[in-house]
């Protein structure tokens, strides 16, 4: 046991691990919500695609208007991903030292034999 209360155990042990595992999925869902907001134009909620449709109806510049809307969506989603990545790097720093896999006993014996052979060759 860690000699921590259940709340502190949750706060300092369980929650950081859970957030580290859930964070990428939450960011992906946020980007999907942003991209899915274009569906709101189907129910007459003003947003980027709906505004582009109104401008297109007035000017009949379809390629230019929807091209700009696509670039705005691209910039917006990339900005969200960039900010989320920076937050993720700051919040979920990797351990200070990488954890090495332990050598098997056989690999350790091979290394010892090689060293002995090299010592005998030098002598």
C-alpha atoms as a PDB file:
ATOM      1  CA  UNK A   1       0.000   0.000   0.000  1.00  0.00           C
ATOM      2  CA  UNK A   2       1.056   3.555  -0.535  1.00  0.00           C
ATOM      3  CA  UNK A   3      -0.294   4.774   2.796  1.00  0.00           C
ATOM      4  CA  UNK A   4      -2.518   7.231   0.968  1.00  0.00           C
ATOM      5  CA  UNK A   5      -6.183   7.865   1.530  1.00  0.00           C
ATOM      6  CA  UNK A   6      -8.491   6.550  -1.197  1.00  0.00           C
ATOM      7  CA  UNK A   7      -9.008  10.089  -2.506  1.00  0.00           C
ATOM      8  CA  UNK A   8      -5.279  10.820  -2.666  1.00  0.00           C
ATOM      9  CA  UNK A   9      -4.627   7.445  -4.292  1.00  0.00           C
ATOM     10  CA  UNK A  10      -7.182   8.291  -6.957  1.00  0.00           C
ATOM     11  CA  UNK A  11      -5.845  11.821  -7.371  1.00  0.00           C
ATOM     12  CA  UNK A  12      -2.127  11.000  -7.553  1.00  0.00           C
ATOM     13  CA  UNK A  13      -2.044   7.465  -8.971  1.00  0.00           C
ATOM     14  CA  UNK A  14      -5.183   6.564 -10.905  1.00  0.00           C
ATOM     15  CA  UNK A  15      -6.216   9.915 -12.413  1.00  0.00           C
ATOM     16  CA  UNK A  16      -2.880  10.775 -14.099  1.00  0.00           C
ATOM     17  CA  UNK A  17      -2.759   7.347 -15.756  1.00  0.00           C
ATOM     18  CA  UNK A  18      -6.377   7.595 -16.847  1.00  0.00           C
ATOM     19  CA  UNK A  19      -5.899  11.088 -18.286  1.00  0.00           C
ATOM     20  CA  UNK A  20      -2.777   9.995 -20.170  1.00  0.00           C
ATOM     21  CA  UNK A  21      -4.759   7.176 -21.799  1.00  0.00           C
ATOM     22  CA  UNK A  22      -7.936   9.180 -22.515  1.00  0.00           C
ATOM     23  CA  UNK A  23      -6.356  12.434 -23.734  1.00  0.00           C
ATOM     24  CA  UNK A  24      -5.751  11.480 -27.401  1.00  0.00           C
ATOM     25  CA  UNK A  25      -9.315  10.164 -27.785  1.00  0.00           C
ATOM     26  CA  UNK A  26     -10.764  13.365 -26.320  1.00  0.00           C
ATOM     27  CA  UNK A  27      -8.732  15.515 -28.719  1.00  0.00           C
ATOM     28  CA  UNK A  28      -9.805  13.381 -31.684  1.00  0.00           C
ATOM     29  CA  UNK A  29     -13.417  13.773 -30.594  1.00  0.00           C
ATOM     30  CA  UNK A  30     -12.974  17.557 -30.350  1.00  0.00           C
ATOM     31  CA  UNK A  31     -11.617  17.700 -33.908  1.00  0.00           C
ATOM     32  CA  UNK A  32     -14.522  15.539 -35.116  1.00  0.00           C
ATOM     33  CA  UNK A  33     -16.979  17.906 -33.444  1.00  0.00           C
ATOM     34  CA  UNK A  34     -15.379  20.875 -35.198  1.00  0.00           C
ATOM     35  CA  UNK A  35     -15.496  19.113 -38.560  1.00  0.00           C
ATOM     36  CA  UNK A  36     -19.010  17.846 -37.908  1.00  0.00           C
ATOM     37  CA  UNK A  37     -20.273  21.343 -37.229  1.00  0.00           C
ATOM     38  CA  UNK A  38     -20.787  21.712 -40.993  1.00  0.00           C
ATOM     39  CA  UNK A  39     -23.825  19.456 -40.519  1.00  0.00           C
ATOM     40  CA  UNK A  40     -25.461  22.234 -38.522  1.00  0.00           C
ATOM     41  CA  UNK A  41     -26.050  24.142 -41.740  1.00  0.00           C
ATOM     42  CA  UNK A  42     -28.658  21.486 -42.611  1.00  0.00           C
ATOM     43  CA  UNK A  43     -30.850  22.723 -39.740  1.00  0.00           C
ATOM     44  CA  UNK A  44     -30.272  26.437 -40.424  1.00  0.00           C
ATOM     45  CA  UNK A  45     -27.730  27.119 -37.686  1.00  0.00           C
ATOM     46  CA  UNK A  46     -25.291  29.754 -38.957  1.00  0.00           C
ATOM     47  CA  UNK A  47     -21.740  28.408 -39.079  1.00  0.00           C
ATOM     48  CA  UNK A  48     -18.849  28.281 -41.533  1.00  0.00           C
ATOM     49  CA  UNK A  49     -20.369  26.012 -44.188  1.00  0.00           C
ATOM     50  CA  UNK A  50     -23.778  27.674 -43.902  1.00  0.00           C
ATOM     51  CA  UNK A  51     -22.196  31.096 -44.282  1.00  0.00           C
ATOM     52  CA  UNK A  52     -20.251  29.835 -47.292  1.00  0.00           C
ATOM     53  CA  UNK A  53     -23.520  28.644 -48.852  1.00  0.00           C
ATOM     54  CA  UNK A  54     -25.110  32.077 -48.344  1.00  0.00           C
ATOM     55  CA  UNK A  55     -22.098  33.859 -49.881  1.00  0.00           C
ATOM     56  CA  UNK A  56     -22.111  31.366 -52.767  1.00  0.00           C
ATOM     57  CA  UNK A  57     -25.816  32.032 -53.397  1.00  0.00           C
ATOM     58  CA  UNK A  58     -25.119  35.776 -53.658  1.00  0.00           C
ATOM     59  CA  UNK A  59     -21.905  35.697 -55.734  1.00  0.00           C
ATOM     60  CA  UNK A  60     -21.949  32.267 -57.495  1.00  0.00           C
ATOM     61  CA  UNK A  61     -18.214  31.834 -56.774  1.00  0.00           C
ATOM     62  CA  UNK A  62     -18.502  28.231 -55.647  1.00  0.00           C
ATOM     63  CA  UNK A  63     -14.877  27.091 -55.878  1.00  0.00           C
ATOM     64  CA  UNK A  64     -13.459  30.209 -54.243  1.00  0.00           C
ATOM     65  CA  UNK A  65     -15.993  30.367 -51.396  1.00  0.00           C
ATOM     66  CA  UNK A  66     -15.862  26.672 -50.460  1.00  0.00           C
ATOM     67  CA  UNK A  67     -12.096  26.609 -51.011  1.00  0.00           C
ATOM     68  CA  UNK A  68     -11.732  29.365 -48.413  1.00  0.00           C
ATOM     69  CA  UNK A  69     -14.128  27.491 -46.093  1.00  0.00           C
ATOM     70  CA  UNK A  70     -12.033  24.313 -46.474  1.00  0.00           C
ATOM     71  CA  UNK A  71      -8.818  26.216 -45.731  1.00  0.00           C
ATOM     72  CA  UNK A  72     -10.435  27.766 -42.650  1.00  0.00           C
ATOM     73  CA  UNK A  73     -11.504  24.328 -41.408  1.00  0.00           C
ATOM     74  CA  UNK A  74      -7.975  23.028 -42.064  1.00  0.00           C
ATOM     75  CA  UNK A  75      -6.388  25.919 -40.164  1.00  0.00           C
ATOM     76  CA  UNK A  76      -8.863  25.622 -37.296  1.00  0.00           C
ATOM     77  CA  UNK A  77      -8.421  21.872 -36.820  1.00  0.00           C
ATOM     78  CA  UNK A  78      -4.625  22.055 -37.141  1.00  0.00           C
ATOM     79  CA  UNK A  79      -4.571  24.871 -34.578  1.00  0.00           C
ATOM     80  CA  UNK A  80      -6.654  22.783 -32.156  1.00  0.00           C
ATOM     81  CA  UNK A  81      -4.354  19.770 -32.658  1.00  0.00           C
ATOM     82  CA  UNK A  82      -1.222  21.906 -32.183  1.00  0.00           C
ATOM     83  CA  UNK A  83      -2.501  23.467 -28.958  1.00  0.00           C
ATOM     84  CA  UNK A  84      -3.624  20.048 -27.708  1.00  0.00           C
ATOM     85  CA  UNK A  85      -0.197  18.584 -28.484  1.00  0.00           C
ATOM     86  CA  UNK A  86       1.547  21.372 -26.576  1.00  0.00           C
ATOM     87  CA  UNK A  87      -0.767  20.875 -23.615  1.00  0.00           C
ATOM     88  CA  UNK A  88      -0.210  17.114 -23.779  1.00  0.00           C
ATOM     89  CA  UNK A  89       3.573  17.519 -23.806  1.00  0.00           C
ATOM     90  CA  UNK A  90       3.459  19.818 -20.796  1.00  0.00           C
ATOM     91  CA  UNK A  91       0.944  17.740 -18.843  1.00  0.00           C
ATOM     92  CA  UNK A  92       2.232  14.262 -19.623  1.00  0.00           C
ATOM     93  CA  UNK A  93       6.001  14.494 -19.499  1.00  0.00           C
ATOM     94  CA  UNK A  94       7.813  11.213 -20.103  1.00  0.00           C
ATOM     95  CA  UNK A  95       9.826   9.652 -17.277  1.00  0.00           C
ATOM     96  CA  UNK A  96      13.282  11.106 -16.697  1.00  0.00           C
ATOM     97  CA  UNK A  97      15.098   7.856 -17.495  1.00  0.00           C
ATOM     98  CA  UNK A  98      13.898   5.322 -20.015  1.00  0.00           C
ATOM     99  CA  UNK A  99      13.177   1.980 -18.475  1.00  0.00           C
ATOM    100  CA  UNK A 100      15.422  -0.690 -19.979  1.00  0.00           C
ATOM    101  CA  UNK A 101      14.295  -4.215 -20.508  1.00  0.00           C
ATOM    102  CA  UNK A 102      16.254  -6.621 -18.344  1.00  0.00           C
ATOM    103  CA  UNK A 103      18.684  -8.903 -20.088  1.00  0.00           C
ATOM    104  CA  UNK A 104      17.872 -12.548 -20.035  1.00  0.00           C
ATOM    105  CA  UNK A 105      20.227 -14.858 -18.176  1.00  0.00           C
ATOM    106  CA  UNK A 106      21.361 -16.369 -21.470  1.00  0.00           C
ATOM    107  CA  UNK A 107      22.190 -12.964 -22.952  1.00  0.00           C
ATOM    108  CA  UNK A 108      24.159 -12.101 -19.819  1.00  0.00           C
ATOM    109  CA  UNK A 109      26.148 -15.333 -20.116  1.00  0.00           C
ATOM    110  CA  UNK A 110      26.900 -14.616 -23.782  1.00  0.00           C
ATOM    111  CA  UNK A 111      28.217 -11.182 -22.890  1.00  0.00           C
ATOM    112  CA  UNK A 112      30.416 -12.628 -20.132  1.00  0.00           C
ATOM    113  CA  UNK A 113      31.839 -15.292 -22.476  1.00  0.00           C
ATOM    114  CA  UNK A 114      32.622 -12.688 -25.141  1.00  0.00           C
ATOM    115  CA  UNK A 115      34.478 -10.592 -22.583  1.00  0.00           C
ATOM    116  CA  UNK A 116      36.498 -13.590 -21.443  1.00  0.00           C
ATOM    117  CA  UNK A 117      37.393 -14.480 -25.043  1.00  0.00           C
ATOM    118  CA  UNK A 118      38.525 -10.904 -25.712  1.00  0.00           C
ATOM    119  CA  UNK A 119      40.650 -10.860 -22.533  1.00  0.00           C
ATOM    120  CA  UNK A 120      42.362 -14.150 -23.504  1.00  0.00           C
ATOM    121  CA  UNK A 121      43.050 -12.906 -27.044  1.00  0.00           C
ATOM    122  CA  UNK A 122      44.694  -9.769 -25.701  1.00  0.00           C
ATOM    123  CA  UNK A 123      46.949 -11.758 -23.307  1.00  0.00           C
END
